Amino acid sequence: MKRGQTLTEFAIGVAVALLVLVGLMELGRYLFAVNTLRNAVREGARYAIVRPWDDEGIRQKVRQSVAGLEQSAIDVRVSFNPPTRGSGSIVTVTASYPFRSVLGIFRRPITVAATMRLP
């Protein structure tokens, strides 16, 4: 009797431990995507300060800075306030990425977004 009880408890414990482990792995992947996108947007904003006329170059700089994420899935938006792009303009670089769970836990992707504003 005790042997069957131990086996049942072990099976339940392993299932719970695996569930927690997989959840932590997914959380790690999500946090990686958030951090990577934030760093990429920061790089794009720095590039925009030096070359404010080069919108496509700014977008390309953001996409090149996202190692480990699918570059084609990243949506990058660039805006300047005031739009004259002169001295004193504030550049805003925003990027979003659809995060998909490896295990298909979420039916729809979760949108990860990051914004950086620099004068």
PDB file of N, CA and C in Angstrom:
ATOM      1  N   MET A   1       0.824  -1.193   0.000  1.00  0.00           N
ATOM      2  CA  MET A   1       0.000   0.000   0.000  1.00  0.00           C
ATOM      3  C   MET A   1       0.867   1.255   0.000  1.00  0.00           C
ATOM      4  N   LYS A   2       1.901   1.239   0.830  1.00  0.00           N
ATOM      5  CA  LYS A   2       2.764   2.413   0.933  1.00  0.00           C
ATOM      6  C   LYS A   2       3.538   2.650  -0.359  1.00  0.00           C
ATOM      7  N   ARG A   3       3.867   1.581  -1.048  1.00  0.00           N
ATOM      8  CA  ARG A   3       4.617   1.706  -2.287  1.00  0.00           C
ATOM      9  C   ARG A   3       3.798   2.418  -3.362  1.00  0.00           C
ATOM     10  N   GLY A   4       2.539   2.098  -3.491  1.00  0.00           N
ATOM     11  CA  GLY A   4       1.659   2.753  -4.462  1.00  0.00           C
ATOM     12  C   GLY A   4       1.429   4.216  -4.126  1.00  0.00           C
ATOM     13  N   GLN A   5       1.340   4.505  -2.847  1.00  0.00           N
ATOM     14  CA  GLN A   5       1.150   5.883  -2.406  1.00  0.00           C
ATOM     15  C   GLN A   5       2.378   6.720  -2.742  1.00  0.00           C
ATOM     16  N   THR A   6       3.552   6.184  -2.541  1.00  0.00           N
ATOM     17  CA  THR A   6       4.790   6.890  -2.849  1.00  0.00           C
ATOM     18  C   THR A   6       4.896   7.172  -4.340  1.00  0.00           C
ATOM     19  N   LEU A   7       4.535   6.196  -5.149  1.00  0.00           N
ATOM     20  CA  LEU A   7       4.574   6.374  -6.601  1.00  0.00           C
ATOM     21  C   LEU A   7       3.599   7.461  -7.048  1.00  0.00           C
ATOM     22  N   THR A   8       2.420   7.475  -6.473  1.00  0.00           N
ATOM     23  CA  THR A   8       1.420   8.495  -6.820  1.00  0.00           C
ATOM     24  C   THR A   8       1.899   9.883  -6.412  1.00  0.00           C
ATOM     25  N   GLU A   9       2.437   9.994  -5.222  1.00  0.00           N
ATOM     26  CA  GLU A   9       2.950  11.282  -4.762  1.00  0.00           C
ATOM     27  C   GLU A   9       4.114  11.753  -5.631  1.00  0.00           C
ATOM     28  N   PHE A  10       4.964  10.835  -6.030  1.00  0.00           N
ATOM     29  CA  PHE A  10       6.082  11.176  -6.901  1.00  0.00           C
ATOM     30  C   PHE A  10       5.574  11.679  -8.251  1.00  0.00           C
ATOM     31  N   ALA A  11       4.592  11.006  -8.819  1.00  0.00           N
ATOM     32  CA  ALA A  11       4.044  11.411 -10.117  1.00  0.00           C
ATOM     33  C   ALA A  11       3.436  12.815 -10.041  1.00  0.00           C
ATOM     34  N   ILE A  12       2.702  13.091  -8.986  1.00  0.00           N
ATOM     35  CA  ILE A  12       2.107  14.417  -8.819  1.00  0.00           C
ATOM     36  C   ILE A  12       3.195  15.461  -8.616  1.00  0.00           C
ATOM     37  N   GLY A  13       4.187  15.147  -7.815  1.00  0.00           N
ATOM     38  CA  GLY A  13       5.289  16.083  -7.568  1.00  0.00           C
ATOM     39  C   GLY A  13       6.080  16.392  -8.818  1.00  0.00           C
ATOM     40  N   VAL A  14       6.351  15.391  -9.628  1.00  0.00           N
ATOM     41  CA  VAL A  14       7.097  15.600 -10.877  1.00  0.00           C
ATOM     42  C   VAL A  14       6.281  16.451 -11.843  1.00  0.00           C
ATOM     43  N   ALA A  15       4.983  16.203 -11.929  1.00  0.00           N
ATOM     44  CA  ALA A  15       4.130  16.993 -12.826  1.00  0.00           C
ATOM     45  C   ALA A  15       4.125  18.461 -12.416  1.00  0.00           C
ATOM     46  N   VAL A  16       4.008  18.722 -11.132  1.00  0.00           N
ATOM     47  CA  VAL A  16       4.021  20.104 -10.649  1.00  0.00           C
ATOM     48  C   VAL A  16       5.392  20.736 -10.889  1.00  0.00           C
ATOM     49  N   ALA A  17       6.456  20.007 -10.625  1.00  0.00           N
ATOM     50  CA  ALA A  17       7.806  20.536 -10.828  1.00  0.00           C
ATOM     51  C   ALA A  17       8.054  20.851 -12.304  1.00  0.00           C
ATOM     52  N   LEU A  18       7.610  19.996 -13.206  1.00  0.00           N
ATOM     53  CA  LEU A  18       7.765  20.253 -14.637  1.00  0.00           C
ATOM     54  C   LEU A  18       6.954  21.470 -15.074  1.00  0.00           C
ATOM     55  N   LEU A  19       5.760  21.611 -14.532  1.00  0.00           N
ATOM     56  CA  LEU A  19       4.932  22.764 -14.862  1.00  0.00           C
ATOM     57  C   LEU A  19       5.616  24.062 -14.424  1.00  0.00           C
ATOM     58  N   VAL A  20       6.173  24.076 -13.237  1.00  0.00           N
ATOM     59  CA  VAL A  20       6.884  25.251 -12.747  1.00  0.00           C
ATOM     60  C   VAL A  20       8.134  25.508 -13.596  1.00  0.00           C
ATOM     61  N   LEU A  21       8.865  24.476 -13.938  1.00  0.00           N
ATOM     62  CA  LEU A  21      10.065  24.624 -14.746  1.00  0.00           C
ATOM     63  C   LEU A  21       9.749  25.201 -16.126  1.00  0.00           C
ATOM     64  N   VAL A  22       8.722  24.680 -16.770  1.00  0.00           N
ATOM     65  CA  VAL A  22       8.340  25.177 -18.091  1.00  0.00           C
ATOM     66  C   VAL A  22       7.852  26.619 -17.988  1.00  0.00           C
ATOM     67  N   GLY A  23       7.107  26.932 -16.938  1.00  0.00           N
ATOM     68  CA  GLY A  23       6.654  28.307 -16.734  1.00  0.00           C
ATOM     69  C   GLY A  23       7.814  29.269 -16.556  1.00  0.00           C
ATOM     70  N   LEU A  24       8.826  28.856 -15.811  1.00  0.00           N
ATOM     71  CA  LEU A  24      10.010  29.694 -15.626  1.00  0.00           C
ATOM     72  C   LEU A  24      10.781  29.878 -16.936  1.00  0.00           C
ATOM     73  N   MET A  25      10.826  28.847 -17.743  1.00  0.00           N
ATOM     74  CA  MET A  25      11.497  28.959 -19.038  1.00  0.00           C
ATOM     75  C   MET A  25      10.768  29.954 -19.950  1.00  0.00           C
ATOM     76  N   GLU A  26       9.443  29.888 -19.973  1.00  0.00           N
ATOM     77  CA  GLU A  26       8.667  30.823 -20.784  1.00  0.00           C
ATOM     78  C   GLU A  26       8.831  32.251 -20.263  1.00  0.00           C
ATOM     79  N   LEU A  27       8.838  32.416 -18.946  1.00  0.00           N
ATOM     80  CA  LEU A  27       9.054  33.734 -18.356  1.00  0.00           C
ATOM     81  C   LEU A  27      10.431  34.268 -18.740  1.00  0.00           C
ATOM     82  N   GLY A  28      11.429  33.417 -18.725  1.00  0.00           N
ATOM     83  CA  GLY A  28      12.773  33.818 -19.124  1.00  0.00           C
ATOM     84  C   GLY A  28      12.835  34.253 -20.582  1.00  0.00           C
ATOM     85  N   ARG A  29      12.152  33.529 -21.444  1.00  0.00           N
ATOM     86  CA  ARG A  29      12.111  33.898 -22.860  1.00  0.00           C
ATOM     87  C   ARG A  29      11.418  35.243 -23.051  1.00  0.00           C
ATOM     88  N   TYR A  30      10.323  35.461 -22.309  1.00  0.00           N
ATOM     89  CA  TYR A  30       9.600  36.729 -22.404  1.00  0.00           C
ATOM     90  C   TYR A  30      10.479  37.889 -21.936  1.00  0.00           C
ATOM     91  N   LEU A  31      11.133  37.716 -20.798  1.00  0.00           N
ATOM     92  CA  LEU A  31      12.000  38.773 -20.284  1.00  0.00           C
ATOM     93  C   LEU A  31      13.188  39.033 -21.214  1.00  0.00           C
ATOM     94  N   PHE A  32      13.689  37.995 -21.858  1.00  0.00           N
ATOM     95  CA  PHE A  32      14.745  38.157 -22.854  1.00  0.00           C
ATOM     96  C   PHE A  32      14.251  39.028 -24.007  1.00  0.00           C
ATOM     97  N   ALA A  33      13.032  38.762 -24.485  1.00  0.00           N
ATOM     98  CA  ALA A  33      12.463  39.546 -25.586  1.00  0.00           C
ATOM     99  C   ALA A  33      12.284  41.011 -25.177  1.00  0.00           C
ATOM    100  N   VAL A  34      11.796  41.249 -23.963  1.00  0.00           N
ATOM    101  CA  VAL A  34      11.601  42.622 -23.472  1.00  0.00           C
ATOM    102  C   VAL A  34      12.942  43.351 -23.397  1.00  0.00           C
ATOM    103  N   ASN A  35      13.924  42.729 -22.788  1.00  0.00           N
ATOM    104  CA  ASN A  35      15.238  43.362 -22.619  1.00  0.00           C
ATOM    105  C   ASN A  35      15.928  43.602 -23.962  1.00  0.00           C
ATOM    106  N   THR A  36      15.858  42.635 -24.841  1.00  0.00           N
ATOM    107  CA  THR A  36      16.478  42.777 -26.164  1.00  0.00           C
ATOM    108  C   THR A  36      15.831  43.904 -26.950  1.00  0.00           C
ATOM    109  N   LEU A  37      14.510  43.986 -26.896  1.00  0.00           N
ATOM    110  CA  LEU A  37      13.810  45.044 -27.626  1.00  0.00           C
ATOM    111  C   LEU A  37      14.119  46.422 -27.039  1.00  0.00           C
ATOM    112  N   ARG A  38      14.211  46.520 -25.729  1.00  0.00           N
ATOM    113  CA  ARG A  38      14.573  47.802 -25.101  1.00  0.00           C
ATOM    114  C   ARG A  38      15.960  48.254 -25.525  1.00  0.00           C
ATOM    115  N   ASN A  39      16.901  47.342 -25.533  1.00  0.00           N
ATOM    116  CA  ASN A  39      18.262  47.697 -25.956  1.00  0.00           C
ATOM    117  C   ASN A  39      18.297  48.100 -27.425  1.00  0.00           C
ATOM    118  N   ALA A  40      17.534  47.412 -28.264  1.00  0.00           N
ATOM    119  CA  ALA A  40      17.507  47.729 -29.689  1.00  0.00           C
ATOM    120  C   ALA A  40      16.912  49.113 -29.935  1.00  0.00           C
ATOM    121  N   VAL A  41      15.863  49.449 -29.210  1.00  0.00           N
ATOM    122  CA  VAL A  41      15.246  50.771 -29.352  1.00  0.00           C
ATOM    123  C   VAL A  41      16.202  51.861 -28.877  1.00  0.00           C
ATOM    124  N   ARG A  42      16.940  51.579 -27.827  1.00  0.00           N
ATOM    125  CA  ARG A  42      17.939  52.536 -27.332  1.00  0.00           C
ATOM    126  C   ARG A  42      19.005  52.783 -28.407  1.00  0.00           C
ATOM    127  N   GLU A  43      19.466  51.715 -29.037  1.00  0.00           N
ATOM    128  CA  GLU A  43      20.457  51.864 -30.111  1.00  0.00           C
ATOM    129  C   GLU A  43      19.888  52.655 -31.287  1.00  0.00           C
ATOM    130  N   GLY A  44      18.639  52.388 -31.630  1.00  0.00           N
ATOM    131  CA  GLY A  44      18.002  53.130 -32.717  1.00  0.00           C
ATOM    132  C   GLY A  44      17.868  54.607 -32.403  1.00  0.00           C
ATOM    133  N   ALA A  45      17.530  54.942 -31.158  1.00  0.00           N
ATOM    134  CA  ALA A  45      17.407  56.349 -30.770  1.00  0.00           C
ATOM    135  C   ALA A  45      18.772  57.045 -30.795  1.00  0.00           C
ATOM    136  N   ARG A  46      19.795  56.354 -30.381  1.00  0.00           N
ATOM    137  CA  ARG A  46      21.150  56.935 -30.444  1.00  0.00           C
ATOM    138  C   ARG A  46      21.566  57.201 -31.887  1.00  0.00           C
ATOM    139  N   TYR A  47      21.222  56.264 -32.757  1.00  0.00           N
ATOM    140  CA  TYR A  47      21.517  56.448 -34.180  1.00  0.00           C
ATOM    141  C   TYR A  47      20.721  57.630 -34.735  1.00  0.00           C
ATOM    142  N   ALA A  48      19.483  57.781 -34.287  1.00  0.00           N
ATOM    143  CA  ALA A  48      18.624  58.865 -34.778  1.00  0.00           C
ATOM    144  C   ALA A  48      19.137  60.235 -34.365  1.00  0.00           C
ATOM    145  N   ILE A  49      19.819  60.325 -33.246  1.00  0.00           N
ATOM    146  CA  ILE A  49      20.377  61.603 -32.814  1.00  0.00           C
ATOM    147  C   ILE A  49      21.473  62.055 -33.780  1.00  0.00           C
ATOM    148  N   VAL A  50      22.266  61.103 -34.237  1.00  0.00           N
ATOM    149  CA  VAL A  50      23.376  61.425 -35.129  1.00  0.00           C
ATOM    150  C   VAL A  50      22.901  61.628 -36.571  1.00  0.00           C
ATOM    151  N   ARG A  51      21.942  60.821 -37.008  1.00  0.00           N
ATOM    152  CA  ARG A  51      21.437  60.885 -38.391  1.00  0.00           C
ATOM    153  C   ARG A  51      19.903  60.996 -38.385  1.00  0.00           C
ATOM    154  N   PRO A  52      19.361  62.154 -38.051  1.00  0.00           N
ATOM    155  CA  PRO A  52      17.911  62.287 -37.921  1.00  0.00           C
ATOM    156  C   PRO A  52      17.152  62.188 -39.248  1.00  0.00           C
ATOM    157  N   TRP A  53      17.795  62.372 -40.363  1.00  0.00           N
ATOM    158  CA  TRP A  53      17.142  62.313 -41.662  1.00  0.00           C
ATOM    159  C   TRP A  53      17.008  60.882 -42.197  1.00  0.00           C
ATOM    160  N   ASP A  54      17.659  59.924 -41.589  1.00  0.00           N
ATOM    161  CA  ASP A  54      17.749  58.562 -42.111  1.00  0.00           C
ATOM    162  C   ASP A  54      16.743  57.625 -41.416  1.00  0.00           C
ATOM    163  N   ASP A  55      15.454  57.751 -41.752  1.00  0.00           N
ATOM    164  CA  ASP A  55      14.424  56.920 -41.117  1.00  0.00           C
ATOM    165  C   ASP A  55      14.656  55.427 -41.354  1.00  0.00           C
ATOM    166  N   GLU A  56      14.976  55.071 -42.586  1.00  0.00           N
ATOM    167  CA  GLU A  56      15.186  53.650 -42.880  1.00  0.00           C
ATOM    168  C   GLU A  56      16.427  53.121 -42.169  1.00  0.00           C
ATOM    169  N   GLY A  57      17.456  53.939 -42.049  1.00  0.00           N
ATOM    170  CA  GLY A  57      18.650  53.547 -41.317  1.00  0.00           C
ATOM    171  C   GLY A  57      18.365  53.344 -39.835  1.00  0.00           C
ATOM    172  N   ILE A  58      17.480  54.172 -39.273  1.00  0.00           N
ATOM    173  CA  ILE A  58      17.088  54.024 -37.869  1.00  0.00           C
ATOM    174  C   ILE A  58      16.362  52.701 -37.673  1.00  0.00           C
ATOM    175  N   ARG A  59      15.415  52.416 -38.556  1.00  0.00           N
ATOM    176  CA  ARG A  59      14.679  51.141 -38.471  1.00  0.00           C
ATOM    177  C   ARG A  59      15.624  49.943 -38.620  1.00  0.00           C
ATOM    178  N   GLN A  60      16.551  50.070 -39.554  1.00  0.00           N
ATOM    179  CA  GLN A  60      17.512  48.988 -39.780  1.00  0.00           C
ATOM    180  C   GLN A  60      18.413  48.784 -38.568  1.00  0.00           C
ATOM    181  N   LYS A  61      18.812  49.877 -37.925  1.00  0.00           N
ATOM    182  CA  LYS A  61      19.667  49.787 -36.730  1.00  0.00           C
ATOM    183  C   LYS A  61      18.932  49.042 -35.616  1.00  0.00           C
ATOM    184  N   VAL A  62      17.646  49.327 -35.442  1.00  0.00           N
ATOM    185  CA  VAL A  62      16.856  48.620 -34.418  1.00  0.00           C
ATOM    186  C   VAL A  62      16.780  47.141 -34.759  1.00  0.00           C
ATOM    187  N   ARG A  63      16.480  46.821 -36.000  1.00  0.00           N
ATOM    188  CA  ARG A  63      16.348  45.404 -36.396  1.00  0.00           C
ATOM    189  C   ARG A  63      17.671  44.655 -36.291  1.00  0.00           C
ATOM    190  N   GLN A  64      18.778  45.329 -36.568  1.00  0.00           N
ATOM    191  CA  GLN A  64      20.089  44.683 -36.465  1.00  0.00           C
ATOM    192  C   GLN A  64      20.488  44.427 -35.015  1.00  0.00           C
ATOM    193  N   SER A  65      19.896  45.171 -34.093  1.00  0.00           N
ATOM    194  CA  SER A  65      20.279  45.067 -32.684  1.00  0.00           C
ATOM    195  C   SER A  65      19.470  44.042 -31.902  1.00  0.00           C
ATOM    196  N   VAL A  66      18.615  43.285 -32.568  1.00  0.00           N
ATOM    197  CA  VAL A  66      17.760  42.329 -31.853  1.00  0.00           C
ATOM    198  C   VAL A  66      18.237  40.899 -32.088  1.00  0.00           C
ATOM    199  N   ALA A  67      19.362  40.559 -31.554  1.00  0.00           N
ATOM    200  CA  ALA A  67      19.876  39.201 -31.676  1.00  0.00           C
ATOM    201  C   ALA A  67      18.967  38.249 -30.913  1.00  0.00           C
ATOM    202  N   GLY A  68      18.557  37.186 -31.558  1.00  0.00           N
ATOM    203  CA  GLY A  68      17.731  36.190 -30.901  1.00  0.00           C
ATOM    204  C   GLY A  68      16.244  36.344 -31.149  1.00  0.00           C
ATOM    205  N   LEU A  69      15.829  37.439 -31.785  1.00  0.00           N
ATOM    206  CA  LEU A  69      14.422  37.638 -32.133  1.00  0.00           C
ATOM    207  C   LEU A  69      14.297  37.685 -33.649  1.00  0.00           C
ATOM    208  N   GLU A  70      13.110  37.386 -34.139  1.00  0.00           N
ATOM    209  CA  GLU A  70      12.873  37.398 -35.580  1.00  0.00           C
ATOM    210  C   GLU A  70      12.804  38.849 -36.063  1.00  0.00           C
ATOM    211  N   GLN A  71      13.802  39.268 -36.842  1.00  0.00           N
ATOM    212  CA  GLN A  71      13.912  40.661 -37.257  1.00  0.00           C
ATOM    213  C   GLN A  71      12.746  41.127 -38.115  1.00  0.00           C
ATOM    214  N   SER A  72      12.232  40.266 -38.958  1.00  0.00           N
ATOM    215  CA  SER A  72      11.148  40.674 -39.859  1.00  0.00           C
ATOM    216  C   SER A  72       9.835  40.899 -39.124  1.00  0.00           C
ATOM    217  N   ALA A  73       9.691  40.377 -37.908  1.00  0.00           N
ATOM    218  CA  ALA A  73       8.448  40.530 -37.158  1.00  0.00           C
ATOM    219  C   ALA A  73       8.415  41.807 -36.325  1.00  0.00           C
ATOM    220  N   ILE A  74       9.512  42.546 -36.304  1.00  0.00           N
ATOM    221  CA  ILE A  74       9.592  43.743 -35.477  1.00  0.00           C
ATOM    222  C   ILE A  74       9.058  44.948 -36.243  1.00  0.00           C
ATOM    223  N   ASP A  75       8.127  45.665 -35.619  1.00  0.00           N
ATOM    224  CA  ASP A  75       7.556  46.875 -36.192  1.00  0.00           C
ATOM    225  C   ASP A  75       8.220  48.073 -35.507  1.00  0.00           C
ATOM    226  N   VAL A  76       8.858  48.933 -36.305  1.00  0.00           N
ATOM    227  CA  VAL A  76       9.590  50.080 -35.766  1.00  0.00           C
ATOM    228  C   VAL A  76       8.942  51.363 -36.272  1.00  0.00           C
ATOM    229  N   ARG A  77       8.680  52.292 -35.345  1.00  0.00           N
ATOM    230  CA  ARG A  77       8.142  53.609 -35.688  1.00  0.00           C
ATOM    231  C   ARG A  77       9.071  54.690 -35.152  1.00  0.00           C
ATOM    232  N   VAL A  78       9.279  55.719 -35.974  1.00  0.00           N
ATOM    233  CA  VAL A  78      10.166  56.825 -35.609  1.00  0.00           C
ATOM    234  C   VAL A  78       9.387  58.124 -35.758  1.00  0.00           C
ATOM    235  N   SER A  79       9.481  58.988 -34.741  1.00  0.00           N
ATOM    236  CA  SER A  79       8.845  60.305 -34.848  1.00  0.00           C
ATOM    237  C   SER A  79       9.727  61.347 -34.170  1.00  0.00           C
ATOM    238  N   PHE A  80       9.569  62.593 -34.624  1.00  0.00           N
ATOM    239  CA  PHE A  80      10.315  63.713 -34.069  1.00  0.00           C
ATOM    240  C   PHE A  80       9.331  64.784 -33.613  1.00  0.00           C
ATOM    241  N   ASN A  81       9.670  65.442 -32.501  1.00  0.00           N
ATOM    242  CA  ASN A  81       8.837  66.522 -31.993  1.00  0.00           C
ATOM    243  C   ASN A  81       9.745  67.701 -31.673  1.00  0.00           C
ATOM    244  N   PRO A  82       9.675  68.811 -32.377  1.00  0.00           N
ATOM    245  CA  PRO A  82       8.864  69.102 -33.546  1.00  0.00           C
ATOM    246  C   PRO A  82       9.374  68.347 -34.777  1.00  0.00           C
ATOM    247  N   PRO A  83       8.507  68.188 -35.762  1.00  0.00           N
ATOM    248  CA  PRO A  83       8.871  67.354 -36.923  1.00  0.00           C
ATOM    249  C   PRO A  83       9.939  67.932 -37.834  1.00  0.00           C
ATOM    250  N   THR A  84      10.488  69.088 -37.506  1.00  0.00           N
ATOM    251  CA  THR A  84      11.522  69.696 -38.363  1.00  0.00           C
ATOM    252  C   THR A  84      12.851  68.959 -38.282  1.00  0.00           C
ATOM    253  N   ARG A  85      13.046  68.155 -37.257  1.00  0.00           N
ATOM    254  CA  ARG A  85      14.258  67.349 -37.061  1.00  0.00           C
ATOM    255  C   ARG A  85      15.504  68.209 -36.894  1.00  0.00           C
ATOM    256  N   GLY A  86      15.326  69.359 -36.365  1.00  0.00           N
ATOM    257  CA  GLY A  86      16.455  70.256 -36.149  1.00  0.00           C
ATOM    258  C   GLY A  86      17.018  70.091 -34.751  1.00  0.00           C
ATOM    259  N   SER A  87      17.899  71.020 -34.401  1.00  0.00           N
ATOM    260  CA  SER A  87      18.498  71.002 -33.076  1.00  0.00           C
ATOM    261  C   SER A  87      17.410  71.205 -32.025  1.00  0.00           C
ATOM    262  N   GLY A  88      17.413  70.371 -31.004  1.00  0.00           N
ATOM    263  CA  GLY A  88      16.406  70.456 -29.953  1.00  0.00           C
ATOM    264  C   GLY A  88      15.203  69.572 -30.172  1.00  0.00           C
ATOM    265  N   SER A  89      15.115  68.924 -31.323  1.00  0.00           N
ATOM    266  CA  SER A  89      14.002  67.993 -31.562  1.00  0.00           C
ATOM    267  C   SER A  89      14.154  66.763 -30.685  1.00  0.00           C
ATOM    268  N   ILE A  90      13.046  66.246 -30.240  1.00  0.00           N
ATOM    269  CA  ILE A  90      13.052  65.014 -29.441  1.00  0.00           C
ATOM    270  C   ILE A  90      12.657  63.858 -30.344  1.00  0.00           C
ATOM    271  N   VAL A  91      13.528  62.863 -30.422  1.00  0.00           N
ATOM    272  CA  VAL A  91      13.256  61.688 -31.242  1.00  0.00           C
ATOM    273  C   VAL A  91      12.591  60.630 -30.364  1.00  0.00           C
ATOM    274  N   THR A  92      11.570  59.994 -30.922  1.00  0.00           N
ATOM    275  CA  THR A  92      10.893  58.892 -30.251  1.00  0.00           C
ATOM    276  C   THR A  92      10.966  57.675 -31.161  1.00  0.00           C
ATOM    277  N   VAL A  93      11.593  56.622 -30.675  1.00  0.00           N
ATOM    278  CA  VAL A  93      11.688  55.366 -31.420  1.00  0.00           C
ATOM    279  C   VAL A  93      10.891  54.329 -30.641  1.00  0.00           C
ATOM    280  N   THR A  94       9.916  53.724 -31.324  1.00  0.00           N
ATOM    281  CA  THR A  94       9.056  52.717 -30.710  1.00  0.00           C
ATOM    282  C   THR A  94       9.130  51.447 -31.538  1.00  0.00           C
ATOM    283  N   ALA A  95       9.251  50.321 -30.874  1.00  0.00           N
ATOM    284  CA  ALA A  95       9.286  49.029 -31.564  1.00  0.00           C
ATOM    285  C   ALA A  95       8.360  48.060 -30.841  1.00  0.00           C
ATOM    286  N   SER A  96       7.743  47.179 -31.612  1.00  0.00           N
ATOM    287  CA  SER A  96       6.890  46.144 -31.018  1.00  0.00           C
ATOM    288  C   SER A  96       7.213  44.800 -31.665  1.00  0.00           C
ATOM    289  N   TYR A  97       7.008  43.754 -30.896  1.00  0.00           N
ATOM    290  CA  TYR A  97       7.350  42.393 -31.334  1.00  0.00           C
ATOM    291  C   TYR A  97       6.292  41.430 -30.807  1.00  0.00           C
ATOM    292  N   PRO A  98       5.754  40.571 -31.659  1.00  0.00           N
ATOM    293  CA  PRO A  98       4.763  39.589 -31.194  1.00  0.00           C
ATOM    294  C   PRO A  98       5.450  38.374 -30.560  1.00  0.00           C
ATOM    295  N   PHE A  99       5.378  38.275 -29.240  1.00  0.00           N
ATOM    296  CA  PHE A  99       5.994  37.156 -28.525  1.00  0.00           C
ATOM    297  C   PHE A  99       5.058  35.957 -28.575  1.00  0.00           C
ATOM    298  N   ARG A 100       5.584  34.842 -29.061  1.00  0.00           N
ATOM    299  CA  ARG A 100       4.800  33.606 -29.139  1.00  0.00           C
ATOM    300  C   ARG A 100       5.407  32.563 -28.201  1.00  0.00           C
ATOM    301  N   SER A 101       4.549  31.923 -27.446  1.00  0.00           N
ATOM    302  CA  SER A 101       4.995  30.881 -26.536  1.00  0.00           C
ATOM    303  C   SER A 101       5.428  29.652 -27.333  1.00  0.00           C
ATOM    304  N   VAL A 102       6.502  29.037 -26.912  1.00  0.00           N
ATOM    305  CA  VAL A 102       6.994  27.838 -27.583  1.00  0.00           C
ATOM    306  C   VAL A 102       5.982  26.692 -27.439  1.00  0.00           C
ATOM    307  N   LEU A 103       5.366  26.618 -26.295  1.00  0.00           N
ATOM    308  CA  LEU A 103       4.440  25.529 -26.020  1.00  0.00           C
ATOM    309  C   LEU A 103       3.019  25.811 -26.472  1.00  0.00           C
ATOM    310  N   GLY A 104       2.765  26.994 -26.984  1.00  0.00           N
ATOM    311  CA  GLY A 104       1.417  27.323 -27.420  1.00  0.00           C
ATOM    312  C   GLY A 104       0.472  27.558 -26.253  1.00  0.00           C
ATOM    313  N   ILE A 105       1.003  28.045 -25.145  1.00  0.00           N
ATOM    314  CA  ILE A 105       0.177  28.300 -23.969  1.00  0.00           C
ATOM    315  C   ILE A 105      -0.841  29.397 -24.272  1.00  0.00           C
ATOM    316  N   PHE A 106      -0.412  30.412 -24.997  1.00  0.00           N
ATOM    317  CA  PHE A 106      -1.295  31.518 -25.355  1.00  0.00           C
ATOM    318  C   PHE A 106      -1.725  31.348 -26.800  1.00  0.00           C
ATOM    319  N   ARG A 107      -3.005  31.489 -27.052  1.00  0.00           N
ATOM    320  CA  ARG A 107      -3.501  31.327 -28.422  1.00  0.00           C
ATOM    321  C   ARG A 107      -3.033  32.458 -29.327  1.00  0.00           C
ATOM    322  N   ARG A 108      -3.049  33.672 -28.794  1.00  0.00           N
ATOM    323  CA  ARG A 108      -2.586  34.830 -29.560  1.00  0.00           C
ATOM    324  C   ARG A 108      -1.234  35.289 -29.020  1.00  0.00           C
ATOM    325  N   PRO A 109      -0.418  35.865 -29.890  1.00  0.00           N
ATOM    326  CA  PRO A 109       0.877  36.355 -29.395  1.00  0.00           C
ATOM    327  C   PRO A 109       0.699  37.542 -28.457  1.00  0.00           C
ATOM    328  N   ILE A 110       1.619  37.675 -27.527  1.00  0.00           N
ATOM    329  CA  ILE A 110       1.647  38.809 -26.609  1.00  0.00           C
ATOM    330  C   ILE A 110       2.561  39.854 -27.239  1.00  0.00           C
ATOM    331  N   THR A 111       2.086  41.085 -27.336  1.00  0.00           N
ATOM    332  CA  THR A 111       2.877  42.138 -27.947  1.00  0.00           C
ATOM    333  C   THR A 111       3.838  42.743 -26.922  1.00  0.00           C
ATOM    334  N   VAL A 112       5.112  42.659 -27.241  1.00  0.00           N
ATOM    335  CA  VAL A 112       6.157  43.271 -26.424  1.00  0.00           C
ATOM    336  C   VAL A 112       6.496  44.591 -27.101  1.00  0.00           C
ATOM    337  N   ALA A 113       6.470  45.689 -26.342  1.00  0.00           N
ATOM    338  CA  ALA A 113       6.745  47.001 -26.917  1.00  0.00           C
ATOM    339  C   ALA A 113       7.777  47.740 -26.082  1.00  0.00           C
ATOM    340  N   ALA A 114       8.547  48.578 -26.748  1.00  0.00           N
ATOM    341  CA  ALA A 114       9.549  49.404 -26.066  1.00  0.00           C
ATOM    342  C   ALA A 114       9.628  50.754 -26.762  1.00  0.00           C
ATOM    343  N   THR A 115       9.841  51.787 -25.968  1.00  0.00           N
ATOM    344  CA  THR A 115       9.926  53.156 -26.484  1.00  0.00           C
ATOM    345  C   THR A 115      11.114  53.862 -25.854  1.00  0.00           C
ATOM    346  N   MET A 116      11.800  54.663 -26.663  1.00  0.00           N
ATOM    347  CA  MET A 116      12.914  55.472 -26.162  1.00  0.00           C
ATOM    348  C   MET A 116      12.770  56.877 -26.748  1.00  0.00           C
ATOM    349  N   ARG A 117      12.875  57.871 -25.864  1.00  0.00           N
ATOM    350  CA  ARG A 117      12.845  59.274 -26.277  1.00  0.00           C
ATOM    351  C   ARG A 117      14.162  59.930 -25.875  1.00  0.00           C
ATOM    352  N   LEU A 118      14.775  60.587 -26.844  1.00  0.00           N
ATOM    353  CA  LEU A 118      16.030  61.296 -26.583  1.00  0.00           C
ATOM    354  C   LEU A 118      15.992  62.666 -27.245  1.00  0.00           C
ATOM    355  N   PRO A 119      16.583  63.668 -26.627  1.00  0.00           N
ATOM    356  CA  PRO A 119      16.626  65.004 -27.234  1.00  0.00           C
ATOM    357  C   PRO A 119      17.732  65.109 -28.276  1.00  0.00           C
TER     358      PRO A 119
END
